[in-house]
Amino acid sequence: MFGISFSELLLVGLVALLVLGPERLPGAARTAGLWIGRLKRSFNAIKMEVEREIGADDIRRQLHNEHILHMEEHAKRILNPQKPEPTSQASSETPTTPAAAASPQTAAPTPSEPPQPPRAP
């Protein structure tokens, strides 16, 4: 993990033996092992919490994007309604004057109900 070779670990152990002595070295190694275990558990707990928060943010973002997509589709349906196919009677009623042909009157239908925003979980 840190790029420490066996010879470097052996050197650290030898220095620790010389500094601490043979009586205190086992207790110091046990204490160091306990602290390292606590640090690993703490880092793993923090990592899991961050991943859980990121997952919750992704879900919120996805719900928000789905809501925006639904609103866009609703707006497209309002602005571009499906027109029925012209019948033979409708084709005979085409405007004959240039002014009537240049200004077609199309009105966008009003929505019956505005879309509701998504509920927060």
PDB file of N, CA and C in Angstrom:
ATOM      1  N   MET A   1       0.821  -1.181   0.000  1.00  0.00           N
ATOM      2  CA  MET A   1       0.000   0.000   0.000  1.00  0.00           C
ATOM      3  C   MET A   1       0.871   1.252   0.000  1.00  0.00           C
ATOM      4  N   PHE A   2       1.863   1.289   0.870  1.00  0.00           N
ATOM      5  CA  PHE A   2       2.726   2.462   0.946  1.00  0.00           C
ATOM      6  C   PHE A   2       4.037   2.241   0.206  1.00  0.00           C
ATOM      7  N   GLY A   3       4.246   1.077  -0.337  1.00  0.00           N
ATOM      8  CA  GLY A   3       5.483   0.782  -1.051  1.00  0.00           C
ATOM      9  C   GLY A   3       6.631   0.484  -0.097  1.00  0.00           C
ATOM     10  N   ILE A   4       6.322  -0.134   1.047  1.00  0.00           N
ATOM     11  CA  ILE A   4       7.350  -0.480   2.027  1.00  0.00           C
ATOM     12  C   ILE A   4       7.745  -1.932   1.792  1.00  0.00           C
ATOM     13  N   SER A   5       9.034  -2.167   1.622  1.00  0.00           N
ATOM     14  CA  SER A   5       9.500  -3.528   1.372  1.00  0.00           C
ATOM     15  C   SER A   5       9.745  -4.245   2.701  1.00  0.00           C
ATOM     16  N   PHE A   6      10.027  -5.545   2.605  1.00  0.00           N
ATOM     17  CA  PHE A   6      10.254  -6.345   3.804  1.00  0.00           C
ATOM     18  C   PHE A   6      11.494  -5.879   4.550  1.00  0.00           C
ATOM     19  N   SER A   7      12.538  -5.522   3.815  1.00  0.00           N
ATOM     20  CA  SER A   7      13.772  -5.072   4.479  1.00  0.00           C
ATOM     21  C   SER A   7      13.542  -3.771   5.261  1.00  0.00           C
ATOM     22  N   GLU A   8      12.707  -2.884   4.750  1.00  0.00           N
ATOM     23  CA  GLU A   8      12.389  -1.651   5.478  1.00  0.00           C
ATOM     24  C   GLU A   8      11.584  -1.947   6.738  1.00  0.00           C
ATOM     25  N   LEU A   9      10.635  -2.892   6.668  1.00  0.00           N
ATOM     26  CA  LEU A   9       9.873  -3.286   7.855  1.00  0.00           C
ATOM     27  C   LEU A   9      10.775  -3.929   8.903  1.00  0.00           C
ATOM     28  N   LEU A  10      11.711  -4.725   8.458  1.00  0.00           N
ATOM     29  CA  LEU A  10      12.664  -5.361   9.366  1.00  0.00           C
ATOM     30  C   LEU A  10      13.512  -4.307  10.066  1.00  0.00           C
ATOM     31  N   LEU A  11      13.942  -3.294   9.348  1.00  0.00           N
ATOM     32  CA  LEU A  11      14.732  -2.209   9.925  1.00  0.00           C
ATOM     33  C   LEU A  11      13.923  -1.430  10.966  1.00  0.00           C
ATOM     34  N   VAL A  12      12.639  -1.142  10.679  1.00  0.00           N
ATOM     35  CA  VAL A  12      11.780  -0.447  11.637  1.00  0.00           C
ATOM     36  C   VAL A  12      11.590  -1.308  12.886  1.00  0.00           C
ATOM     37  N   GLY A  13      11.368  -2.589  12.719  1.00  0.00           N
ATOM     38  CA  GLY A  13      11.225  -3.495  13.864  1.00  0.00           C
ATOM     39  C   GLY A  13      12.481  -3.559  14.712  1.00  0.00           C
ATOM     40  N   LEU A  14      13.641  -3.584  14.110  1.00  0.00           N
ATOM     41  CA  LEU A  14      14.910  -3.627  14.829  1.00  0.00           C
ATOM     42  C   LEU A  14      15.124  -2.344  15.628  1.00  0.00           C
ATOM     43  N   VAL A  15      14.818  -1.183  15.028  1.00  0.00           N
ATOM     44  CA  VAL A  15      14.946   0.102  15.728  1.00  0.00           C
ATOM     45  C   VAL A  15      13.964   0.159  16.890  1.00  0.00           C
ATOM     46  N   ALA A  16      12.719  -0.330  16.679  1.00  0.00           N
ATOM     47  CA  ALA A  16      11.733  -0.342  17.752  1.00  0.00           C
ATOM     48  C   ALA A  16      12.193  -1.252  18.891  1.00  0.00           C
ATOM     49  N   LEU A  17      12.808  -2.376  18.584  1.00  0.00           N
ATOM     50  CA  LEU A  17      13.319  -3.279  19.611  1.00  0.00           C
ATOM     51  C   LEU A  17      14.416  -2.608  20.420  1.00  0.00           C
ATOM     52  N   LEU A  18      15.290  -1.874  19.744  1.00  0.00           N
ATOM     53  CA  LEU A  18      16.377  -1.190  20.443  1.00  0.00           C
ATOM     54  C   LEU A  18      15.858  -0.040  21.305  1.00  0.00           C
ATOM     55  N   VAL A  19      14.862   0.703  20.816  1.00  0.00           N
ATOM     56  CA  VAL A  19      14.347   1.865  21.547  1.00  0.00           C
ATOM     57  C   VAL A  19      13.455   1.426  22.709  1.00  0.00           C
ATOM     58  N   LEU A  20      12.516   0.526  22.452  1.00  0.00           N
ATOM     59  CA  LEU A  20      11.539   0.142  23.475  1.00  0.00           C
ATOM     60  C   LEU A  20      12.029  -0.981  24.385  1.00  0.00           C
ATOM     61  N   GLY A  21      12.852  -1.826  23.893  1.00  0.00           N
ATOM     62  CA  GLY A  21      13.329  -2.960  24.684  1.00  0.00           C
ATOM     63  C   GLY A  21      12.411  -4.153  24.509  1.00  0.00           C
ATOM     64  N   PRO A  22      12.885  -5.328  24.879  1.00  0.00           N
ATOM     65  CA  PRO A  22      12.093  -6.551  24.676  1.00  0.00           C
ATOM     66  C   PRO A  22      10.869  -6.647  25.583  1.00  0.00           C
ATOM     67  N   GLU A  23      10.832  -5.932  26.722  1.00  0.00           N
ATOM     68  CA  GLU A  23       9.675  -6.022  27.618  1.00  0.00           C
ATOM     69  C   GLU A  23       8.494  -5.201  27.095  1.00  0.00           C
ATOM     70  N   ARG A  24       8.753  -4.024  26.572  1.00  0.00           N
ATOM     71  CA  ARG A  24       7.667  -3.122  26.156  1.00  0.00           C
ATOM     72  C   ARG A  24       7.291  -3.266  24.678  1.00  0.00           C
ATOM     73  N   LEU A  25       8.075  -3.919  23.865  1.00  0.00           N
ATOM     74  CA  LEU A  25       7.798  -4.035  22.422  1.00  0.00           C
ATOM     75  C   LEU A  25       6.489  -4.777  22.132  1.00  0.00           C
ATOM     76  N   PRO A  26       6.169  -5.924  22.764  1.00  0.00           N
ATOM     77  CA  PRO A  26       4.888  -6.591  22.465  1.00  0.00           C
ATOM     78  C   PRO A  26       3.675  -5.718  22.809  1.00  0.00           C
ATOM     79  N   GLY A  27       3.717  -5.014  23.922  1.00  0.00           N
ATOM     80  CA  GLY A  27       2.603  -4.138  24.292  1.00  0.00           C
ATOM     81  C   GLY A  27       2.470  -2.979  23.321  1.00  0.00           C
ATOM     82  N   ALA A  28       3.601  -2.413  22.886  1.00  0.00           N
ATOM     83  CA  ALA A  28       3.564  -1.308  21.919  1.00  0.00           C
ATOM     84  C   ALA A  28       3.025  -1.786  20.571  1.00  0.00           C
ATOM     85  N   ALA A  29       3.397  -2.989  20.149  1.00  0.00           N
ATOM     86  CA  ALA A  29       2.904  -3.539  18.874  1.00  0.00           C
ATOM     87  C   ALA A  29       1.400  -3.779  18.958  1.00  0.00           C
ATOM     88  N   ARG A  30       0.928  -4.290  20.109  1.00  0.00           N
ATOM     89  CA  ARG A  30      -0.503  -4.528  20.303  1.00  0.00           C
ATOM     90  C   ARG A  30      -1.270  -3.207  20.263  1.00  0.00           C
ATOM     91  N   THR A  31      -0.757  -2.191  20.953  1.00  0.00           N
ATOM     92  CA  THR A  31      -1.398  -0.880  20.975  1.00  0.00           C
ATOM     93  C   THR A  31      -1.427  -0.266  19.573  1.00  0.00           C
ATOM     94  N   ALA A  32      -0.313  -0.388  18.853  1.00  0.00           N
ATOM     95  CA  ALA A  32      -0.259   0.146  17.480  1.00  0.00           C
ATOM     96  C   ALA A  32      -1.273  -0.577  16.590  1.00  0.00           C
ATOM     97  N   GLY A  33      -1.388  -1.883  16.760  1.00  0.00           N
ATOM     98  CA  GLY A  33      -2.366  -2.649  15.979  1.00  0.00           C
ATOM     99  C   GLY A  33      -3.793  -2.228  16.273  1.00  0.00           C
ATOM    100  N   LEU A  34      -4.107  -1.972  17.557  1.00  0.00           N
ATOM    101  CA  LEU A  34      -5.446  -1.515  17.922  1.00  0.00           C
ATOM    102  C   LEU A  34      -5.749  -0.153  17.311  1.00  0.00           C
ATOM    103  N   TRP A  35      -4.802   0.759  17.369  1.00  0.00           N
ATOM    104  CA  TRP A  35      -5.008   2.094  16.789  1.00  0.00           C
ATOM    105  C   TRP A  35      -5.173   2.024  15.278  1.00  0.00           C
ATOM    106  N   ILE A  36      -4.388   1.195  14.646  1.00  0.00           N
ATOM    107  CA  ILE A  36      -4.513   1.055  13.180  1.00  0.00           C
ATOM    108  C   ILE A  36      -5.885   0.478  12.825  1.00  0.00           C
ATOM    109  N   GLY A  37      -6.354  -0.509  13.595  1.00  0.00           N
ATOM    110  CA  GLY A  37      -7.696  -1.068  13.361  1.00  0.00           C
ATOM    111  C   GLY A  37      -8.787  -0.027  13.530  1.00  0.00           C
ATOM    112  N   ARG A  38      -8.661   0.804  14.583  1.00  0.00           N
ATOM    113  CA  ARG A  38      -9.655   1.864  14.794  1.00  0.00           C
ATOM    114  C   ARG A  38      -9.655   2.861  13.641  1.00  0.00           C
ATOM    115  N   LEU A  39      -8.467   3.236  13.182  1.00  0.00           N
ATOM    116  CA  LEU A  39      -8.385   4.168  12.053  1.00  0.00           C
ATOM    117  C   LEU A  39      -9.022   3.579  10.801  1.00  0.00           C
ATOM    118  N   LYS A  40      -8.752   2.308  10.538  1.00  0.00           N
ATOM    119  CA  LYS A  40      -9.341   1.667   9.351  1.00  0.00           C
ATOM    120  C   LYS A  40     -10.865   1.644   9.444  1.00  0.00           C
ATOM    121  N   ARG A  41     -11.397   1.290  10.612  1.00  0.00           N
ATOM    122  CA  ARG A  41     -12.862   1.268  10.778  1.00  0.00           C
ATOM    123  C   ARG A  41     -13.457   2.659  10.623  1.00  0.00           C
ATOM    124  N   SER A  42     -12.769   3.661  11.177  1.00  0.00           N
ATOM    125  CA  SER A  42     -13.270   5.036  11.050  1.00  0.00           C
ATOM    126  C   SER A  42     -13.283   5.489   9.599  1.00  0.00           C
ATOM    127  N   PHE A  43     -12.185   5.209   8.880  1.00  0.00           N
ATOM    128  CA  PHE A  43     -12.128   5.598   7.468  1.00  0.00           C
ATOM    129  C   PHE A  43     -13.178   4.863   6.646  1.00  0.00           C
ATOM    130  N   ASN A  44     -13.401   3.589   6.949  1.00  0.00           N
ATOM    131  CA  ASN A  44     -14.427   2.842   6.218  1.00  0.00           C
ATOM    132  C   ASN A  44     -15.827   3.388   6.509  1.00  0.00           C
ATOM    133  N   ALA A  45     -16.087   3.762   7.766  1.00  0.00           N
ATOM    134  CA  ALA A  45     -17.398   4.329   8.109  1.00  0.00           C
ATOM    135  C   ALA A  45     -17.618   5.658   7.392  1.00  0.00           C
ATOM    136  N   ILE A  46     -16.575   6.490   7.354  1.00  0.00           N
ATOM    137  CA  ILE A  46     -16.682   7.774   6.656  1.00  0.00           C
ATOM    138  C   ILE A  46     -16.894   7.549   5.165  1.00  0.00           C
ATOM    139  N   LYS A  47     -16.162   6.595   4.612  1.00  0.00           N
ATOM    140  CA  LYS A  47     -16.286   6.283   3.182  1.00  0.00           C
ATOM    141  C   LYS A  47     -17.701   5.806   2.850  1.00  0.00           C
ATOM    142  N   MET A  48     -18.270   4.941   3.688  1.00  0.00           N
ATOM    143  CA  MET A  48     -19.627   4.446   3.442  1.00  0.00           C
ATOM    144  C   MET A  48     -20.651   5.572   3.564  1.00  0.00           C
ATOM    145  N   GLU A  49     -20.457   6.476   4.530  1.00  0.00           N
ATOM    146  CA  GLU A  49     -21.375   7.609   4.701  1.00  0.00           C
ATOM    147  C   GLU A  49     -21.340   8.528   3.484  1.00  0.00           C
ATOM    148  N   VAL A  50     -20.142   8.807   2.986  1.00  0.00           N
ATOM    149  CA  VAL A  50     -20.013   9.666   1.799  1.00  0.00           C
ATOM    150  C   VAL A  50     -20.656   8.995   0.587  1.00  0.00           C
ATOM    151  N   GLU A  51     -20.426   7.699   0.418  1.00  0.00           N
ATOM    152  CA  GLU A  51     -21.030   6.986  -0.713  1.00  0.00           C
ATOM    153  C   GLU A  51     -22.547   6.967  -0.608  1.00  0.00           C
ATOM    154  N   ARG A  52     -23.076   6.839   0.618  1.00  0.00           N
ATOM    155  CA  ARG A  52     -24.529   6.850   0.808  1.00  0.00           C
ATOM    156  C   ARG A  52     -25.092   8.234   0.467  1.00  0.00           C
ATOM    157  N   GLU A  53     -24.395   9.296   0.876  1.00  0.00           N
ATOM    158  CA  GLU A  53     -24.838  10.656   0.564  1.00  0.00           C
ATOM    159  C   GLU A  53     -24.787  10.924  -0.936  1.00  0.00           C
ATOM    160  N   ILE A  54     -23.726  10.447  -1.578  1.00  0.00           N
ATOM    161  CA  ILE A  54     -23.612  10.632  -3.030  1.00  0.00           C
ATOM    162  C   ILE A  54     -24.739   9.895  -3.732  1.00  0.00           C
ATOM    163  N   GLY A  55     -25.057   8.695  -3.267  1.00  0.00           N
ATOM    164  CA  GLY A  55     -26.163   7.937  -3.851  1.00  0.00           C
ATOM    165  C   GLY A  55     -27.485   8.657  -3.681  1.00  0.00           C
ATOM    166  N   ALA A  56     -27.715   9.251  -2.515  1.00  0.00           N
ATOM    167  CA  ALA A  56     -28.954  10.000  -2.283  1.00  0.00           C
ATOM    168  C   ALA A  56     -29.007  11.223  -3.186  1.00  0.00           C
ATOM    169  N   ASP A  57     -27.879  11.901  -3.361  1.00  0.00           N
ATOM    170  CA  ASP A  57     -27.855  13.056  -4.260  1.00  0.00           C
ATOM    171  C   ASP A  57     -28.136  12.641  -5.696  1.00  0.00           C
ATOM    172  N   ASP A  58     -27.602  11.488  -6.113  1.00  0.00           N
ATOM    173  CA  ASP A  58     -27.872  11.007  -7.468  1.00  0.00           C
ATOM    174  C   ASP A  58     -29.355  10.713  -7.665  1.00  0.00           C
ATOM    175  N   ILE A  59     -29.983  10.128  -6.653  1.00  0.00           N
ATOM    176  CA  ILE A  59     -31.413   9.828  -6.755  1.00  0.00           C
ATOM    177  C   ILE A  59     -32.211  11.124  -6.854  1.00  0.00           C
ATOM    178  N   ARG A  60     -31.863  12.112  -6.011  1.00  0.00           N
ATOM    179  CA  ARG A  60     -32.558  13.404  -6.079  1.00  0.00           C
ATOM    180  C   ARG A  60     -32.373  14.049  -7.443  1.00  0.00           C
ATOM    181  N   ARG A  61     -31.156  14.009  -7.959  1.00  0.00           N
ATOM    182  CA  ARG A  61     -30.865  14.610  -9.263  1.00  0.00           C
ATOM    183  C   ARG A  61     -31.641  13.896 -10.363  1.00  0.00           C
ATOM    184  N   GLN A  62     -31.730  12.564 -10.280  1.00  0.00           N
ATOM    185  CA  GLN A  62     -32.464  11.806 -11.292  1.00  0.00           C
ATOM    186  C   GLN A  62     -33.952  12.146 -11.246  1.00  0.00           C
ATOM    187  N   LEU A  63     -34.521  12.247 -10.044  1.00  0.00           N
ATOM    188  CA  LEU A  63     -35.928  12.624  -9.933  1.00  0.00           C
ATOM    189  C   LEU A  63     -36.170  14.016 -10.490  1.00  0.00           C
ATOM    190  N   HIS A  64     -35.263  14.937 -10.203  1.00  0.00           N
ATOM    191  CA  HIS A  64     -35.395  16.298 -10.713  1.00  0.00           C
ATOM    192  C   HIS A  64     -35.324  16.303 -12.243  1.00  0.00           C
ATOM    193  N   ASN A  65     -34.376  15.536 -12.809  1.00  0.00           N
ATOM    194  CA  ASN A  65     -34.248  15.475 -14.269  1.00  0.00           C
ATOM    195  C   ASN A  65     -35.483  14.851 -14.908  1.00  0.00           C
ATOM    196  N   GLU A  66     -36.055  13.825 -14.267  1.00  0.00           N
ATOM    197  CA  GLU A  66     -37.269  13.218 -14.801  1.00  0.00           C
ATOM    198  C   GLU A  66     -38.426  14.217 -14.777  1.00  0.00           C
ATOM    199  N   HIS A  67     -38.487  15.021 -13.726  1.00  0.00           N
ATOM    200  CA  HIS A  67     -39.540  16.035 -13.635  1.00  0.00           C
ATOM    201  C   HIS A  67     -39.378  17.065 -14.747  1.00  0.00           C
ATOM    202  N   ILE A  68     -38.147  17.508 -14.989  1.00  0.00           N
ATOM    203  CA  ILE A  68     -37.896  18.481 -16.059  1.00  0.00           C
ATOM    204  C   ILE A  68     -38.245  17.879 -17.416  1.00  0.00           C
ATOM    205  N   LEU A  69     -37.885  16.612 -17.632  1.00  0.00           N
ATOM    206  CA  LEU A  69     -38.212  15.945 -18.893  1.00  0.00           C
ATOM    207  C   LEU A  69     -39.718  15.864 -19.077  1.00  0.00           C
ATOM    208  N   HIS A  70     -40.438  15.549 -18.018  1.00  0.00           N
ATOM    209  CA  HIS A  70     -41.900  15.490 -18.100  1.00  0.00           C
ATOM    210  C   HIS A  70     -42.468  16.864 -18.439  1.00  0.00           C
ATOM    211  N   MET A  71     -41.925  17.913 -17.823  1.00  0.00           N
ATOM    212  CA  MET A  71     -42.402  19.269 -18.107  1.00  0.00           C
ATOM    213  C   MET A  71     -42.122  19.646 -19.558  1.00  0.00           C
ATOM    214  N   GLU A  72     -40.951  19.264 -20.095  1.00  0.00           N
ATOM    215  CA  GLU A  72     -40.637  19.555 -21.499  1.00  0.00           C
ATOM    216  C   GLU A  72     -41.602  18.843 -22.436  1.00  0.00           C
ATOM    217  N   GLU A  73     -41.882  17.570 -22.150  1.00  0.00           N
ATOM    218  CA  GLU A  73     -42.826  16.831 -22.999  1.00  0.00           C
ATOM    219  C   GLU A  73     -44.215  17.456 -22.938  1.00  0.00           C
ATOM    220  N   HIS A  74     -44.607  17.886 -21.757  1.00  0.00           N
ATOM    221  CA  HIS A  74     -45.915  18.532 -21.599  1.00  0.00           C
ATOM    222  C   HIS A  74     -45.965  19.843 -22.391  1.00  0.00           C
ATOM    223  N   ALA A  75     -44.877  20.620 -22.329  1.00  0.00           N
ATOM    224  CA  ALA A  75     -44.822  21.885 -23.072  1.00  0.00           C
ATOM    225  C   ALA A  75     -44.847  21.628 -24.577  1.00  0.00           C
ATOM    226  N   LYS A  76     -44.155  20.581 -25.037  1.00  0.00           N
ATOM    227  CA  LYS A  76     -44.166  20.260 -26.465  1.00  0.00           C
ATOM    228  C   LYS A  76     -45.563  19.876 -26.925  1.00  0.00           C
ATOM    229  N   ARG A  77     -46.280  19.114 -26.064  1.00  0.00           N
ATOM    230  CA  ARG A  77     -47.640  18.742 -26.438  1.00  0.00           C
ATOM    231  C   ARG A  77     -48.546  19.964 -26.516  1.00  0.00           C
ATOM    232  N   ILE A  78     -48.309  20.930 -25.649  1.00  0.00           N
ATOM    233  CA  ILE A  78     -49.132  22.145 -25.664  1.00  0.00           C
ATOM    234  C   ILE A  78     -48.810  22.983 -26.898  1.00  0.00           C
ATOM    235  N   LEU A  79     -47.521  23.160 -27.195  1.00  0.00           N
ATOM    236  CA  LEU A  79     -47.118  24.025 -28.300  1.00  0.00           C
ATOM    237  C   LEU A  79     -47.298  23.375 -29.665  1.00  0.00           C
ATOM    238  N   ASN A  80     -47.183  22.073 -29.739  1.00  0.00           N
ATOM    239  CA  ASN A  80     -47.318  21.368 -31.014  1.00  0.00           C
ATOM    240  C   ASN A  80     -48.365  20.270 -30.876  1.00  0.00           C
ATOM    241  N   PRO A  81     -49.649  20.638 -30.857  1.00  0.00           N
ATOM    242  CA  PRO A  81     -50.678  19.600 -30.709  1.00  0.00           C
ATOM    243  C   PRO A  81     -50.754  18.757 -31.977  1.00  0.00           C
ATOM    244  N   GLN A  82     -51.196  17.543 -31.821  1.00  0.00           N
ATOM    245  CA  GLN A  82     -51.383  16.658 -32.965  1.00  0.00           C
ATOM    246  C   GLN A  82     -52.575  17.161 -33.764  1.00  0.00           C
ATOM    247  N   LYS A  83     -52.340  17.509 -35.019  1.00  0.00           N
ATOM    248  CA  LYS A  83     -53.411  18.018 -35.874  1.00  0.00           C
ATOM    249  C   LYS A  83     -54.072  16.851 -36.591  1.00  0.00           C
ATOM    250  N   PRO A  84     -55.393  16.845 -36.671  1.00  0.00           N
ATOM    251  CA  PRO A  84     -56.057  15.767 -37.413  1.00  0.00           C
ATOM    252  C   PRO A  84     -55.763  15.913 -38.902  1.00  0.00           C
ATOM    253  N   GLU A  85     -55.812  14.789 -39.588  1.00  0.00           N
ATOM    254  CA  GLU A  85     -55.549  14.812 -41.023  1.00  0.00           C
ATOM    255  C   GLU A  85     -56.670  15.560 -41.744  1.00  0.00           C
ATOM    256  N   PRO A  86     -56.307  16.381 -42.735  1.00  0.00           N
ATOM    257  CA  PRO A  86     -57.346  17.157 -43.434  1.00  0.00           C
ATOM    258  C   PRO A  86     -58.247  16.245 -44.253  1.00  0.00           C
ATOM    259  N   THR A  87     -59.512  16.588 -44.281  1.00  0.00           N
ATOM    260  CA  THR A  87     -60.470  15.843 -45.091  1.00  0.00           C
ATOM    261  C   THR A  87     -60.653  16.567 -46.414  1.00  0.00           C
ATOM    262  N   SER A  88     -61.412  16.016 -47.286  1.00  0.00           N
ATOM    263  CA  SER A  88     -61.621  16.646 -48.594  1.00  0.00           C
ATOM    264  C   SER A  88     -62.395  17.956 -48.447  1.00  0.00           C
ATOM    265  N   GLN A  89     -63.257  18.064 -47.455  1.00  0.00           N
ATOM    266  CA  GLN A  89     -64.025  19.287 -47.249  1.00  0.00           C
ATOM    267  C   GLN A  89     -63.098  20.405 -46.754  1.00  0.00           C
ATOM    268  N   ALA A  90     -62.132  20.080 -45.905  1.00  0.00           N
ATOM    269  CA  ALA A  90     -61.229  21.097 -45.374  1.00  0.00           C
ATOM    270  C   ALA A  90     -60.296  21.613 -46.458  1.00  0.00           C
ATOM    271  N   SER A  91     -59.924  20.782 -47.416  1.00  0.00           N
ATOM    272  CA  SER A  91     -59.034  21.242 -48.473  1.00  0.00           C
ATOM    273  C   SER A  91     -59.745  22.185 -49.432  1.00  0.00           C
ATOM    274  N   SER A  92     -61.052  22.102 -49.543  1.00  0.00           N
ATOM    275  CA  SER A  92     -61.776  23.013 -50.421  1.00  0.00           C
ATOM    276  C   SER A  92     -61.974  24.375 -49.777  1.00  0.00           C
ATOM    277  N   GLU A  93     -61.740  24.474 -48.459  1.00  0.00           N
ATOM    278  CA  GLU A  93     -61.928  25.741 -47.770  1.00  0.00           C
ATOM    279  C   GLU A  93     -60.607  26.463 -47.557  1.00  0.00           C
ATOM    280  N   THR A  94     -59.640  26.298 -48.415  1.00  0.00           N
ATOM    281  CA  THR A  94     -58.364  26.985 -48.280  1.00  0.00           C
ATOM    282  C   THR A  94     -58.536  28.440 -48.648  1.00  0.00           C
ATOM    283  N   PRO A  95     -57.794  29.332 -47.974  1.00  0.00           N
ATOM    284  CA  PRO A  95     -57.949  30.758 -48.271  1.00  0.00           C
ATOM    285  C   PRO A  95     -57.483  31.069 -49.686  1.00  0.00           C
ATOM    286  N   THR A  96     -58.210  31.939 -50.325  1.00  0.00           N
ATOM    287  CA  THR A  96     -57.884  32.308 -51.699  1.00  0.00           C
ATOM    288  C   THR A  96     -57.182  33.646 -51.768  1.00  0.00           C
ATOM    289  N   THR A  97     -57.309  34.461 -50.752  1.00  0.00           N
ATOM    290  CA  THR A  97     -56.644  35.758 -50.779  1.00  0.00           C
ATOM    291  C   THR A  97     -55.245  35.622 -50.193  1.00  0.00           C
ATOM    292  N   PRO A  98     -54.275  36.407 -50.688  1.00  0.00           N
ATOM    293  CA  PRO A  98     -52.907  36.304 -50.155  1.00  0.00           C
ATOM    294  C   PRO A  98     -52.820  36.717 -48.696  1.00  0.00           C
ATOM    295  N   ALA A  99     -53.635  37.675 -48.257  1.00  0.00           N
ATOM    296  CA  ALA A  99     -53.581  38.117 -46.867  1.00  0.00           C
ATOM    297  C   ALA A  99     -54.066  37.002 -45.939  1.00  0.00           C
ATOM    298  N   ALA A 100     -55.081  36.288 -46.330  1.00  0.00           N
ATOM    299  CA  ALA A 100     -55.605  35.206 -45.510  1.00  0.00           C
ATOM    300  C   ALA A 100     -54.632  34.033 -45.476  1.00  0.00           C
ATOM    301  N   ALA A 101     -53.909  33.806 -46.586  1.00  0.00           N
ATOM    302  CA  ALA A 101     -52.948  32.711 -46.628  1.00  0.00           C
ATOM    303  C   ALA A 101     -51.698  33.047 -45.831  1.00  0.00           C
ATOM    304  N   ALA A 102     -51.348  34.331 -45.726  1.00  0.00           N
ATOM    305  CA  ALA A 102     -50.121  34.732 -45.034  1.00  0.00           C
ATOM    306  C   ALA A 102     -50.286  34.727 -43.531  1.00  0.00           C
ATOM    307  N   SER A 103     -51.478  34.891 -43.014  1.00  0.00           N
ATOM    308  CA  SER A 103     -51.657  34.965 -41.555  1.00  0.00           C
ATOM    309  C   SER A 103     -52.590  33.868 -41.064  1.00  0.00           C
ATOM    310  N   PRO A 104     -52.088  32.673 -40.938  1.00  0.00           N
ATOM    311  CA  PRO A 104     -52.944  31.623 -40.385  1.00  0.00           C
ATOM    312  C   PRO A 104     -53.115  31.863 -38.889  1.00  0.00           C
ATOM    313  N   GLN A 105     -54.296  31.612 -38.392  1.00  0.00           N
ATOM    314  CA  GLN A 105     -54.590  31.840 -36.984  1.00  0.00           C
ATOM    315  C   GLN A 105     -54.587  30.502 -36.262  1.00  0.00           C
ATOM    316  N   THR A 106     -53.542  30.314 -35.460  1.00  0.00           N
ATOM    317  CA  THR A 106     -53.470  29.097 -34.661  1.00  0.00           C
ATOM    318  C   THR A 106     -53.360  29.513 -33.210  1.00  0.00           C
ATOM    319  N   ALA A 107     -54.151  28.924 -32.399  1.00  0.00           N
ATOM    320  CA  ALA A 107     -54.120  29.227 -30.971  1.00  0.00           C
ATOM    321  C   ALA A 107     -53.668  27.993 -30.216  1.00  0.00           C
ATOM    322  N   ALA A 108     -52.758  28.204 -29.301  1.00  0.00           N
ATOM    323  CA  ALA A 108     -52.280  27.085 -28.498  1.00  0.00           C
ATOM    324  C   ALA A 108     -53.316  26.761 -27.439  1.00  0.00           C
ATOM    325  N   PRO A 109     -53.638  25.493 -27.292  1.00  0.00           N
ATOM    326  CA  PRO A 109     -54.633  25.137 -26.279  1.00  0.00           C
ATOM    327  C   PRO A 109     -54.054  25.366 -24.883  1.00  0.00           C
ATOM    328  N   THR A 110     -54.898  25.730 -23.963  1.00  0.00           N
ATOM    329  CA  THR A 110     -54.432  25.958 -22.590  1.00  0.00           C
ATOM    330  C   THR A 110     -54.416  24.632 -21.850  1.00  0.00           C
ATOM    331  N   PRO A 111     -53.445  24.451 -20.993  1.00  0.00           N
ATOM    332  CA  PRO A 111     -53.394  23.175 -20.257  1.00  0.00           C
ATOM    333  C   PRO A 111     -54.503  23.116 -19.225  1.00  0.00           C
ATOM    334  N   SER A 112     -55.021  21.926 -19.040  1.00  0.00           N
ATOM    335  CA  SER A 112     -56.108  21.769 -18.081  1.00  0.00           C
ATOM    336  C   SER A 112     -55.590  21.851 -16.657  1.00  0.00           C
ATOM    337  N   GLU A 113     -54.356  21.417 -16.437  1.00  0.00           N
ATOM    338  CA  GLU A 113     -53.805  21.430 -15.091  1.00  0.00           C
ATOM    339  C   GLU A 113     -52.283  21.509 -15.204  1.00  0.00           C
ATOM    340  N   PRO A 114     -51.611  22.394 -14.464  1.00  0.00           N
ATOM    341  CA  PRO A 114     -50.144  22.462 -14.555  1.00  0.00           C
ATOM    342  C   PRO A 114     -49.519  21.234 -13.912  1.00  0.00           C
ATOM    343  N   PRO A 115     -48.341  20.835 -14.390  1.00  0.00           N
ATOM    344  CA  PRO A 115     -47.698  19.635 -13.824  1.00  0.00           C
ATOM    345  C   PRO A 115     -47.272  19.901 -12.387  1.00  0.00           C
ATOM    346  N   GLN A 116     -47.359  18.883 -11.572  1.00  0.00           N
ATOM    347  CA  GLN A 116     -47.004  18.990 -10.156  1.00  0.00           C
ATOM    348  C   GLN A 116     -45.520  18.660  -9.980  1.00  0.00           C
ATOM    349  N   PRO A 117     -44.788  19.379  -9.115  1.00  0.00           N
ATOM    350  CA  PRO A 117     -43.375  19.049  -8.870  1.00  0.00           C
ATOM    351  C   PRO A 117     -43.262  17.731  -8.120  1.00  0.00           C
ATOM    352  N   PRO A 118     -42.113  17.049  -8.249  1.00  0.00           N
ATOM    353  CA  PRO A 118     -41.964  15.761  -7.560  1.00  0.00           C
ATOM    354  C   PRO A 118     -41.900  15.964  -6.053  1.00  0.00           C
ATOM    355  N   ARG A 119     -42.371  14.980  -5.336  1.00  0.00           N
ATOM    356  CA  ARG A 119     -42.354  15.052  -3.878  1.00  0.00           C
ATOM    357  C   ARG A 119     -40.983  14.654  -3.353  1.00  0.00           C
ATOM    358  N   ALA A 120     -40.559  15.312  -2.311  1.00  0.00           N
ATOM    359  CA  ALA A 120     -39.269  14.989  -1.690  1.00  0.00           C
ATOM    360  C   ALA A 120     -39.397  13.688  -0.910  1.00  0.00           C
ATOM    361  N   PRO A 121     -38.372  12.841  -1.014  1.00  0.00           N
ATOM    362  CA  PRO A 121     -38.459  11.554  -0.295  1.00  0.00           C
ATOM    363  C   PRO A 121     -38.326  11.729   1.181  1.00  0.00           C
TER     364      PRO A 121
END
